[in-house]
């Protein structure tokens, strides 16, 4: 069953005649009469939506793409701000003049920011259309490289695309993100959760013997590394896995200080 956020996003796209992939969040904002203000803001700023009572207008201020900030992240940030615009409780707060700089792309633990991230994913990657798109990849199964190509096709960030892939539950799959050598957060498909292979303690180093630990060791040594992959014992990552082996792929997310890891059963 679709979530209220997904139902809202679908109704908006259908009413605007934009129920197709890729979804252009700039066009959504334009059709709603929201003005967009792009600039070279500092690294700590993604975007912010404001309400201007004089004329009852909304505007979104957002950081330009460049360096580690990909165009996919920028588009996700716009979708995030549209979440604050469309979600009723958020809009009430914005109208009250309580503005704040948003942290998008799943970097915040604030519940409202997480809700806006979820809306952005529902808007930019509606699940029915997203699942159809997966059919172009080996019966719907995607490697990290495949997910990178899909993100480019959809104009989304690899982070949000990989998370959406897990939510699509096309195959047992867990995605983890690590930052500065420590585990940060993750997402697992329902099938992977049923197999007991979905959790890793945050703010701890990746487990010894994993490809992710090997990659971070290379980063710490100053060695160039684009990607590592290979078969690892499932109990390297999980206490009670319902599989003997995993296929692990891991690679840096260029310039962000983060690493993405994908795990799938390999028995």
C-alpha atoms as a PDB file:
ATOM      1  CA  UNK A   1       0.000   0.000   0.000  1.00  0.00           C
ATOM      2  CA  UNK A   2       1.325   3.421  -0.957  1.00  0.00           C
ATOM      3  CA  UNK A   3       2.170   5.832   1.864  1.00  0.00           C
ATOM      4  CA  UNK A   4       0.305   9.156   2.246  1.00  0.00           C
ATOM      5  CA  UNK A   5       3.446  10.889   0.962  1.00  0.00           C
ATOM      6  CA  UNK A   6       3.518   8.687  -2.144  1.00  0.00           C
ATOM      7  CA  UNK A   7      -0.186   9.227  -2.780  1.00  0.00           C
ATOM      8  CA  UNK A   8       0.237  12.989  -2.434  1.00  0.00           C
ATOM      9  CA  UNK A   9       3.221  13.052  -4.795  1.00  0.00           C
ATOM     10  CA  UNK A  10       1.370  10.982  -7.395  1.00  0.00           C
ATOM     11  CA  UNK A  11      -1.717  13.195  -7.240  1.00  0.00           C
ATOM     12  CA  UNK A  12       0.456  16.293  -7.715  1.00  0.00           C
ATOM     13  CA  UNK A  13       2.334  14.863 -10.701  1.00  0.00           C
ATOM     14  CA  UNK A  14      -0.867  13.632 -12.322  1.00  0.00           C
ATOM     15  CA  UNK A  15      -2.616  16.982 -11.814  1.00  0.00           C
ATOM     16  CA  UNK A  16       0.359  18.774 -13.388  1.00  0.00           C
ATOM     17  CA  UNK A  17       0.569  16.328 -16.306  1.00  0.00           C
ATOM     18  CA  UNK A  18       4.039  15.193 -15.174  1.00  0.00           C
ATOM     19  CA  UNK A  19       3.387  11.525 -14.325  1.00  0.00           C
ATOM     20  CA  UNK A  20       6.449  10.183 -16.133  1.00  0.00           C
ATOM     21  CA  UNK A  21      10.171   9.716 -15.651  1.00  0.00           C
ATOM     22  CA  UNK A  22      12.365  11.626 -15.331  1.00  0.00           C
ATOM     23  CA  UNK A  23      10.506  14.098 -13.116  1.00  0.00           C
ATOM     24  CA  UNK A  24      11.755  17.680 -13.290  1.00  0.00           C
ATOM     25  CA  UNK A  25      11.342  19.323  -9.846  1.00  0.00           C
ATOM     26  CA  UNK A  26      12.183  22.731 -11.335  1.00  0.00           C
ATOM     27  CA  UNK A  27       9.167  22.399 -13.626  1.00  0.00           C
ATOM     28  CA  UNK A  28       6.979  21.427 -10.658  1.00  0.00           C
ATOM     29  CA  UNK A  29       8.100  24.546  -8.787  1.00  0.00           C
ATOM     30  CA  UNK A  30       7.575  26.699 -11.878  1.00  0.00           C
ATOM     31  CA  UNK A  31       4.013  25.482 -12.368  1.00  0.00           C
ATOM     32  CA  UNK A  32       3.235  26.219  -8.715  1.00  0.00           C
ATOM     33  CA  UNK A  33       4.498  29.784  -9.100  1.00  0.00           C
ATOM     34  CA  UNK A  34       7.463  29.217  -6.753  1.00  0.00           C
ATOM     35  CA  UNK A  35      10.446  31.348  -7.698  1.00  0.00           C
ATOM     36  CA  UNK A  36      13.893  29.734  -7.661  1.00  0.00           C
ATOM     37  CA  UNK A  37      17.054  31.510  -6.513  1.00  0.00           C
ATOM     38  CA  UNK A  38      20.329  29.715  -7.296  1.00  0.00           C
ATOM     39  CA  UNK A  39      23.682  30.830  -5.881  1.00  0.00           C
ATOM     40  CA  UNK A  40      27.114  29.587  -4.773  1.00  0.00           C
ATOM     41  CA  UNK A  41      26.227  29.101  -1.135  1.00  0.00           C
ATOM     42  CA  UNK A  42      28.695  27.608   1.389  1.00  0.00           C
ATOM     43  CA  UNK A  43      29.109  23.829   1.561  1.00  0.00           C
ATOM     44  CA  UNK A  44      26.850  23.533   4.615  1.00  0.00           C
ATOM     45  CA  UNK A  45      23.831  24.922   2.749  1.00  0.00           C
ATOM     46  CA  UNK A  46      21.662  22.818   0.429  1.00  0.00           C
ATOM     47  CA  UNK A  47      18.401  24.763   0.137  1.00  0.00           C
ATOM     48  CA  UNK A  48      15.685  26.702   1.956  1.00  0.00           C
ATOM     49  CA  UNK A  49      12.064  27.561   1.147  1.00  0.00           C
ATOM     50  CA  UNK A  50      10.566  30.817   2.355  1.00  0.00           C
ATOM     51  CA  UNK A  51       7.081  32.326   2.343  1.00  0.00           C
ATOM     52  CA  UNK A  52       6.636  35.997   1.513  1.00  0.00           C
ATOM     53  CA  UNK A  53       3.305  37.275   2.890  1.00  0.00           C
ATOM     54  CA  UNK A  54       3.375  40.289   0.570  1.00  0.00           C
ATOM     55  CA  UNK A  55       1.851  38.659  -2.494  1.00  0.00           C
ATOM     56  CA  UNK A  56       1.542  35.257  -0.802  1.00  0.00           C
ATOM     57  CA  UNK A  57       4.556  33.902  -2.690  1.00  0.00           C
ATOM     58  CA  UNK A  58       7.009  31.100  -1.984  1.00  0.00           C
ATOM     59  CA  UNK A  59      10.647  30.995  -3.025  1.00  0.00           C
ATOM     60  CA  UNK A  60      13.324  28.310  -2.917  1.00  0.00           C
ATOM     61  CA  UNK A  61      16.950  29.327  -2.435  1.00  0.00           C
ATOM     62  CA  UNK A  62      19.375  26.565  -3.419  1.00  0.00           C
ATOM     63  CA  UNK A  63      23.079  25.902  -3.884  1.00  0.00           C
ATOM     64  CA  UNK A  64      24.487  25.439  -7.374  1.00  0.00           C
ATOM     65  CA  UNK A  65      25.805  22.095  -8.558  1.00  0.00           C
ATOM     66  CA  UNK A  66      29.566  21.761  -8.612  1.00  0.00           C
ATOM     67  CA  UNK A  67      32.350  19.733  -7.045  1.00  0.00           C
ATOM     68  CA  UNK A  68      30.913  17.117  -4.701  1.00  0.00           C
ATOM     69  CA  UNK A  69      27.410  18.596  -5.032  1.00  0.00           C
ATOM     70  CA  UNK A  70      26.023  16.795  -8.060  1.00  0.00           C
ATOM     71  CA  UNK A  71      23.085  17.976 -10.121  1.00  0.00           C
ATOM     72  CA  UNK A  72      21.206  14.936  -8.774  1.00  0.00           C
ATOM     73  CA  UNK A  73      21.686  16.152  -5.213  1.00  0.00           C
ATOM     74  CA  UNK A  74      20.516  19.636  -6.214  1.00  0.00           C
ATOM     75  CA  UNK A  75      17.359  18.216  -7.805  1.00  0.00           C
ATOM     76  CA  UNK A  76      16.735  16.099  -4.707  1.00  0.00           C
ATOM     77  CA  UNK A  77      17.120  19.255  -2.588  1.00  0.00           C
ATOM     78  CA  UNK A  78      14.484  21.006  -4.702  1.00  0.00           C
ATOM     79  CA  UNK A  79      12.181  17.998  -4.230  1.00  0.00           C
ATOM     80  CA  UNK A  80      12.883  18.200  -0.493  1.00  0.00           C
ATOM     81  CA  UNK A  81      11.841  21.873  -0.380  1.00  0.00           C
ATOM     82  CA  UNK A  82       8.723  21.025  -2.367  1.00  0.00           C
ATOM     83  CA  UNK A  83       7.981  18.541   0.415  1.00  0.00           C
ATOM     84  CA  UNK A  84       7.955  21.442   2.874  1.00  0.00           C
ATOM     85  CA  UNK A  85       5.637  23.255   0.449  1.00  0.00           C
ATOM     86  CA  UNK A  86       3.170  20.420  -0.154  1.00  0.00           C
ATOM     87  CA  UNK A  87       3.050  18.595   3.196  1.00  0.00           C
ATOM     88  CA  UNK A  88       0.282  20.429   5.109  1.00  0.00           C
ATOM     89  CA  UNK A  89       1.972  20.617   8.534  1.00  0.00           C
ATOM     90  CA  UNK A  90       5.232  21.769   6.972  1.00  0.00           C
ATOM     91  CA  UNK A  91       3.502  24.441   4.915  1.00  0.00           C
ATOM     92  CA  UNK A  92       1.796  25.820   8.015  1.00  0.00           C
ATOM     93  CA  UNK A  93       5.179  26.181   9.718  1.00  0.00           C
ATOM     94  CA  UNK A  94       6.741  27.834   6.660  1.00  0.00           C
ATOM     95  CA  UNK A  95       3.818  30.278   6.448  1.00  0.00           C
ATOM     96  CA  UNK A  96       4.405  31.209  10.083  1.00  0.00           C
ATOM     97  CA  UNK A  97       7.838  32.531   9.119  1.00  0.00           C
ATOM     98  CA  UNK A  98       9.875  29.752  10.778  1.00  0.00           C
ATOM     99  CA  UNK A  99      12.471  29.279   8.051  1.00  0.00           C
ATOM    100  CA  UNK A 100      15.512  27.032   8.292  1.00  0.00           C
ATOM    101  CA  UNK A 101      18.267  25.702   6.078  1.00  0.00           C
ATOM    102  CA  UNK A 102      17.369  22.167   5.022  1.00  0.00           C
ATOM    103  CA  UNK A 103      19.621  19.115   5.115  1.00  0.00           C
ATOM    104  CA  UNK A 104      18.527  16.902   2.251  1.00  0.00           C
ATOM    105  CA  UNK A 105      19.606  13.556   0.796  1.00  0.00           C
ATOM    106  CA  UNK A 106      19.067  11.701   4.090  1.00  0.00           C
ATOM    107  CA  UNK A 107      21.736  13.622   6.019  1.00  0.00           C
ATOM    108  CA  UNK A 108      19.439  14.833   8.827  1.00  0.00           C
ATOM    109  CA  UNK A 109      17.866  12.987  11.766  1.00  0.00           C
ATOM    110  CA  UNK A 110      15.190  15.666  12.229  1.00  0.00           C
ATOM    111  CA  UNK A 111      11.760  13.997  11.644  1.00  0.00           C
ATOM    112  CA  UNK A 112      10.482  16.880   9.503  1.00  0.00           C
ATOM    113  CA  UNK A 113      13.604  16.755   7.339  1.00  0.00           C
ATOM    114  CA  UNK A 114      13.206  12.986   6.968  1.00  0.00           C
ATOM    115  CA  UNK A 115       9.577  13.468   5.907  1.00  0.00           C
ATOM    116  CA  UNK A 116      10.674  16.001   3.293  1.00  0.00           C
ATOM    117  CA  UNK A 117      13.340  13.551   2.051  1.00  0.00           C
ATOM    118  CA  UNK A 118      10.729  10.804   1.763  1.00  0.00           C
ATOM    119  CA  UNK A 119       8.461  13.149  -0.199  1.00  0.00           C
ATOM    120  CA  UNK A 120      11.328  14.079  -2.510  1.00  0.00           C
ATOM    121  CA  UNK A 121      11.928  10.397  -3.278  1.00  0.00           C
ATOM    122  CA  UNK A 122       8.202   9.863  -3.878  1.00  0.00           C
ATOM    123  CA  UNK A 123       8.088  12.878  -6.175  1.00  0.00           C
ATOM    124  CA  UNK A 124      11.253  12.199  -8.198  1.00  0.00           C
ATOM    125  CA  UNK A 125      11.042   8.388  -8.209  1.00  0.00           C
ATOM    126  CA  UNK A 126       7.380   7.326  -7.934  1.00  0.00           C
ATOM    127  CA  UNK A 127       7.538   3.640  -7.045  1.00  0.00           C
ATOM    128  CA  UNK A 128       5.299   2.313  -9.868  1.00  0.00           C
ATOM    129  CA  UNK A 129       7.372   4.153 -12.485  1.00  0.00           C
ATOM    130  CA  UNK A 130      10.651   3.348 -10.714  1.00  0.00           C
ATOM    131  CA  UNK A 131       9.931  -0.399 -10.694  1.00  0.00           C
ATOM    132  CA  UNK A 132       9.168  -0.246 -14.417  1.00  0.00           C
ATOM    133  CA  UNK A 133      12.530   1.449 -14.967  1.00  0.00           C
ATOM    134  CA  UNK A 134      14.327  -1.400 -13.190  1.00  0.00           C
ATOM    135  CA  UNK A 135      13.216  -3.822 -15.892  1.00  0.00           C
ATOM    136  CA  UNK A 136      15.948  -2.431 -18.136  1.00  0.00           C
ATOM    137  CA  UNK A 137      18.630  -3.889 -15.821  1.00  0.00           C
ATOM    138  CA  UNK A 138      19.123  -7.675 -15.921  1.00  0.00           C
ATOM    139  CA  UNK A 139      15.638  -8.673 -14.806  1.00  0.00           C
ATOM    140  CA  UNK A 140      15.574  -5.731 -12.432  1.00  0.00           C
ATOM    141  CA  UNK A 141      18.735  -6.543 -10.458  1.00  0.00           C
ATOM    142  CA  UNK A 142      21.202  -3.651 -10.173  1.00  0.00           C
ATOM    143  CA  UNK A 143      24.876  -3.335  -9.298  1.00  0.00           C
ATOM    144  CA  UNK A 144      26.233  -0.070  -7.925  1.00  0.00           C
ATOM    145  CA  UNK A 145      27.321   0.841 -11.449  1.00  0.00           C
ATOM    146  CA  UNK A 146      23.787   0.146 -12.683  1.00  0.00           C
ATOM    147  CA  UNK A 147      22.369   2.332  -9.929  1.00  0.00           C
ATOM    148  CA  UNK A 148      24.775   5.088 -10.963  1.00  0.00           C
ATOM    149  CA  UNK A 149      23.489   4.885 -14.532  1.00  0.00           C
ATOM    150  CA  UNK A 150      19.901   4.867 -13.302  1.00  0.00           C
ATOM    151  CA  UNK A 151      20.557   7.927 -11.120  1.00  0.00           C
ATOM    152  CA  UNK A 152      21.986   9.734 -14.145  1.00  0.00           C
ATOM    153  CA  UNK A 153      18.955   8.776 -16.234  1.00  0.00           C
ATOM    154  CA  UNK A 154      16.515   9.986 -13.568  1.00  0.00           C
ATOM    155  CA  UNK A 155      18.509  13.074 -12.595  1.00  0.00           C
ATOM    156  CA  UNK A 156      18.678  11.898  -8.975  1.00  0.00           C
ATOM    157  CA  UNK A 157      21.499  11.375  -6.496  1.00  0.00           C
ATOM    158  CA  UNK A 158      23.086   7.941  -6.166  1.00  0.00           C
ATOM    159  CA  UNK A 159      22.251   8.035  -2.446  1.00  0.00           C
ATOM    160  CA  UNK A 160      18.512   8.484  -3.015  1.00  0.00           C
ATOM    161  CA  UNK A 161      18.460   6.078  -5.981  1.00  0.00           C
ATOM    162  CA  UNK A 162      20.195   3.302  -4.036  1.00  0.00           C
ATOM    163  CA  UNK A 163      17.832   3.764  -1.109  1.00  0.00           C
ATOM    164  CA  UNK A 164      14.852   3.659  -3.481  1.00  0.00           C
ATOM    165  CA  UNK A 165      16.197   0.459  -5.020  1.00  0.00           C
ATOM    166  CA  UNK A 166      16.122  -1.214  -1.605  1.00  0.00           C
ATOM    167  CA  UNK A 167      12.579   0.034  -1.029  1.00  0.00           C
ATOM    168  CA  UNK A 168      11.540  -1.444  -4.391  1.00  0.00           C
ATOM    169  CA  UNK A 169      12.363  -4.902  -2.951  1.00  0.00           C
ATOM    170  CA  UNK A 170      13.292  -6.330  -6.354  1.00  0.00           C
ATOM    171  CA  UNK A 171      16.019  -8.483  -4.771  1.00  0.00           C
ATOM    172  CA  UNK A 172      17.441  -9.043  -1.280  1.00  0.00           C
ATOM    173  CA  UNK A 173      19.724  -6.030  -0.891  1.00  0.00           C
ATOM    174  CA  UNK A 174      21.155  -3.811   1.846  1.00  0.00           C
ATOM    175  CA  UNK A 175      22.767  -0.430   1.271  1.00  0.00           C
ATOM    176  CA  UNK A 176      25.055   1.088   3.897  1.00  0.00           C
ATOM    177  CA  UNK A 177      26.708   4.501   3.988  1.00  0.00           C
ATOM    178  CA  UNK A 178      29.852   5.221   5.951  1.00  0.00           C
ATOM    179  CA  UNK A 179      31.436   8.592   6.627  1.00  0.00           C
ATOM    180  CA  UNK A 180      34.946   9.458   7.810  1.00  0.00           C
ATOM    181  CA  UNK A 181      35.641   5.770   8.336  1.00  0.00           C
ATOM    182  CA  UNK A 182      32.549   5.126  10.472  1.00  0.00           C
ATOM    183  CA  UNK A 183      29.206   3.513   9.642  1.00  0.00           C
ATOM    184  CA  UNK A 184      26.563   6.191   9.158  1.00  0.00           C
ATOM    185  CA  UNK A 185      23.190   4.740   8.128  1.00  0.00           C
ATOM    186  CA  UNK A 186      21.633   2.075   5.929  1.00  0.00           C
ATOM    187  CA  UNK A 187      18.539   0.751   4.209  1.00  0.00           C
ATOM    188  CA  UNK A 188      17.485  -2.815   3.406  1.00  0.00           C
ATOM    189  CA  UNK A 189      14.900  -4.470   1.198  1.00  0.00           C
ATOM    190  CA  UNK A 190      12.117  -6.360   2.949  1.00  0.00           C
ATOM    191  CA  UNK A 191      13.569  -9.666   1.728  1.00  0.00           C
ATOM    192  CA  UNK A 192      16.939  -8.775   3.225  1.00  0.00           C
ATOM    193  CA  UNK A 193      15.336  -7.877   6.545  1.00  0.00           C
ATOM    194  CA  UNK A 194      13.625 -11.266   6.643  1.00  0.00           C
ATOM    195  CA  UNK A 195      17.041 -12.832   6.165  1.00  0.00           C
ATOM    196  CA  UNK A 196      18.367 -10.960   9.209  1.00  0.00           C
ATOM    197  CA  UNK A 197      20.867  -8.979   7.155  1.00  0.00           C
ATOM    198  CA  UNK A 198      19.976  -5.338   7.540  1.00  0.00           C
ATOM    199  CA  UNK A 199      21.544  -3.761  10.650  1.00  0.00           C
ATOM    200  CA  UNK A 200      24.988  -2.427  11.471  1.00  0.00           C
ATOM    201  CA  UNK A 201      25.843  -0.276  14.460  1.00  0.00           C
ATOM    202  CA  UNK A 202      26.309   3.390  13.580  1.00  0.00           C
ATOM    203  CA  UNK A 203      29.403   5.408  14.508  1.00  0.00           C
ATOM    204  CA  UNK A 204      31.541   2.281  14.512  1.00  0.00           C
ATOM    205  CA  UNK A 205      34.195   1.252  11.952  1.00  0.00           C
ATOM    206  CA  UNK A 206      33.001  -1.116   9.200  1.00  0.00           C
ATOM    207  CA  UNK A 207      33.499  -4.758  10.225  1.00  0.00           C
ATOM    208  CA  UNK A 208      36.963  -6.274   9.875  1.00  0.00           C
ATOM    209  CA  UNK A 209      37.174  -8.521   6.840  1.00  0.00           C
ATOM    210  CA  UNK A 210      34.680  -6.486   4.826  1.00  0.00           C
ATOM    211  CA  UNK A 211      35.496  -4.815   1.530  1.00  0.00           C
ATOM    212  CA  UNK A 212      34.300  -1.561   3.077  1.00  0.00           C
ATOM    213  CA  UNK A 213      36.925  -1.787   5.828  1.00  0.00           C
ATOM    214  CA  UNK A 214      39.528  -2.529   3.163  1.00  0.00           C
ATOM    215  CA  UNK A 215      38.459   0.513   1.153  1.00  0.00           C
ATOM    216  CA  UNK A 216      38.636   2.839   4.160  1.00  0.00           C
ATOM    217  CA  UNK A 217      42.101   1.487   4.969  1.00  0.00           C
ATOM    218  CA  UNK A 218      43.210   2.403   1.457  1.00  0.00           C
ATOM    219  CA  UNK A 219      41.680   5.864   1.814  1.00  0.00           C
ATOM    220  CA  UNK A 220      43.516   6.368   5.129  1.00  0.00           C
ATOM    221  CA  UNK A 221      46.776   5.318   3.461  1.00  0.00           C
ATOM    222  CA  UNK A 222      46.223   7.823   0.670  1.00  0.00           C
ATOM    223  CA  UNK A 223      45.837   5.148  -1.972  1.00  0.00           C
ATOM    224  CA  UNK A 224      43.562   5.913  -4.932  1.00  0.00           C
ATOM    225  CA  UNK A 225      40.550   3.590  -5.050  1.00  0.00           C
ATOM    226  CA  UNK A 226      37.466   3.733  -7.255  1.00  0.00           C
ATOM    227  CA  UNK A 227      35.681   0.560  -6.199  1.00  0.00           C
ATOM    228  CA  UNK A 228      36.173  -2.735  -4.374  1.00  0.00           C
ATOM    229  CA  UNK A 229      34.001  -5.813  -4.689  1.00  0.00           C
ATOM    230  CA  UNK A 230      34.075  -9.487  -3.837  1.00  0.00           C
ATOM    231  CA  UNK A 231      32.567 -12.391  -1.926  1.00  0.00           C
ATOM    232  CA  UNK A 232      32.603 -12.198   1.868  1.00  0.00           C
ATOM    233  CA  UNK A 233      31.210 -14.420   4.598  1.00  0.00           C
ATOM    234  CA  UNK A 234      27.799 -13.124   5.674  1.00  0.00           C
ATOM    235  CA  UNK A 235      28.752 -13.324   9.349  1.00  0.00           C
ATOM    236  CA  UNK A 236      31.403 -10.684   8.713  1.00  0.00           C
ATOM    237  CA  UNK A 237      28.536  -8.200   8.578  1.00  0.00           C
ATOM    238  CA  UNK A 238      25.681  -9.815  10.503  1.00  0.00           C
ATOM    239  CA  UNK A 239      25.271 -11.868  13.688  1.00  0.00           C
ATOM    240  CA  UNK A 240      22.585 -14.315  12.544  1.00  0.00           C
ATOM    241  CA  UNK A 241      22.466 -14.172   8.737  1.00  0.00           C
ATOM    242  CA  UNK A 242      20.211 -16.512   6.774  1.00  0.00           C
ATOM    243  CA  UNK A 243      22.893 -16.849   4.105  1.00  0.00           C
ATOM    244  CA  UNK A 244      26.478 -18.068   4.076  1.00  0.00           C
ATOM    245  CA  UNK A 245      28.010 -15.514   1.735  1.00  0.00           C
ATOM    246  CA  UNK A 246      27.404 -12.001   0.453  1.00  0.00           C
ATOM    247  CA  UNK A 247      28.558 -10.147  -2.629  1.00  0.00           C
ATOM    248  CA  UNK A 248      29.882  -6.800  -1.442  1.00  0.00           C
ATOM    249  CA  UNK A 249      30.414  -3.752  -3.631  1.00  0.00           C
ATOM    250  CA  UNK A 250      31.740  -0.516  -2.171  1.00  0.00           C
ATOM    251  CA  UNK A 251      32.977   2.774  -3.589  1.00  0.00           C
ATOM    252  CA  UNK A 252      33.542   6.398  -2.531  1.00  0.00           C
ATOM    253  CA  UNK A 253      30.903   9.004  -3.285  1.00  0.00           C
ATOM    254  CA  UNK A 254      33.267  11.480  -4.928  1.00  0.00           C
ATOM    255  CA  UNK A 255      34.251  14.425  -2.793  1.00  0.00           C
ATOM    256  CA  UNK A 256      31.604  13.900  -0.091  1.00  0.00           C
ATOM    257  CA  UNK A 257      33.754  11.981   2.388  1.00  0.00           C
ATOM    258  CA  UNK A 258      31.213   9.156   2.255  1.00  0.00           C
ATOM    259  CA  UNK A 259      31.337   5.582   0.983  1.00  0.00           C
ATOM    260  CA  UNK A 260      28.408   3.534  -0.315  1.00  0.00           C
ATOM    261  CA  UNK A 261      28.232  -0.236   0.199  1.00  0.00           C
ATOM    262  CA  UNK A 262      25.833  -2.701  -1.421  1.00  0.00           C
ATOM    263  CA  UNK A 263      25.335  -6.221  -0.036  1.00  0.00           C
ATOM    264  CA  UNK A 264      23.414  -9.045  -1.719  1.00  0.00           C
ATOM    265  CA  UNK A 265      23.278 -12.795  -0.922  1.00  0.00           C
ATOM    266  CA  UNK A 266      25.811 -14.847  -2.909  1.00  0.00           C
ATOM    267  CA  UNK A 267      25.116 -18.483  -1.979  1.00  0.00           C
END
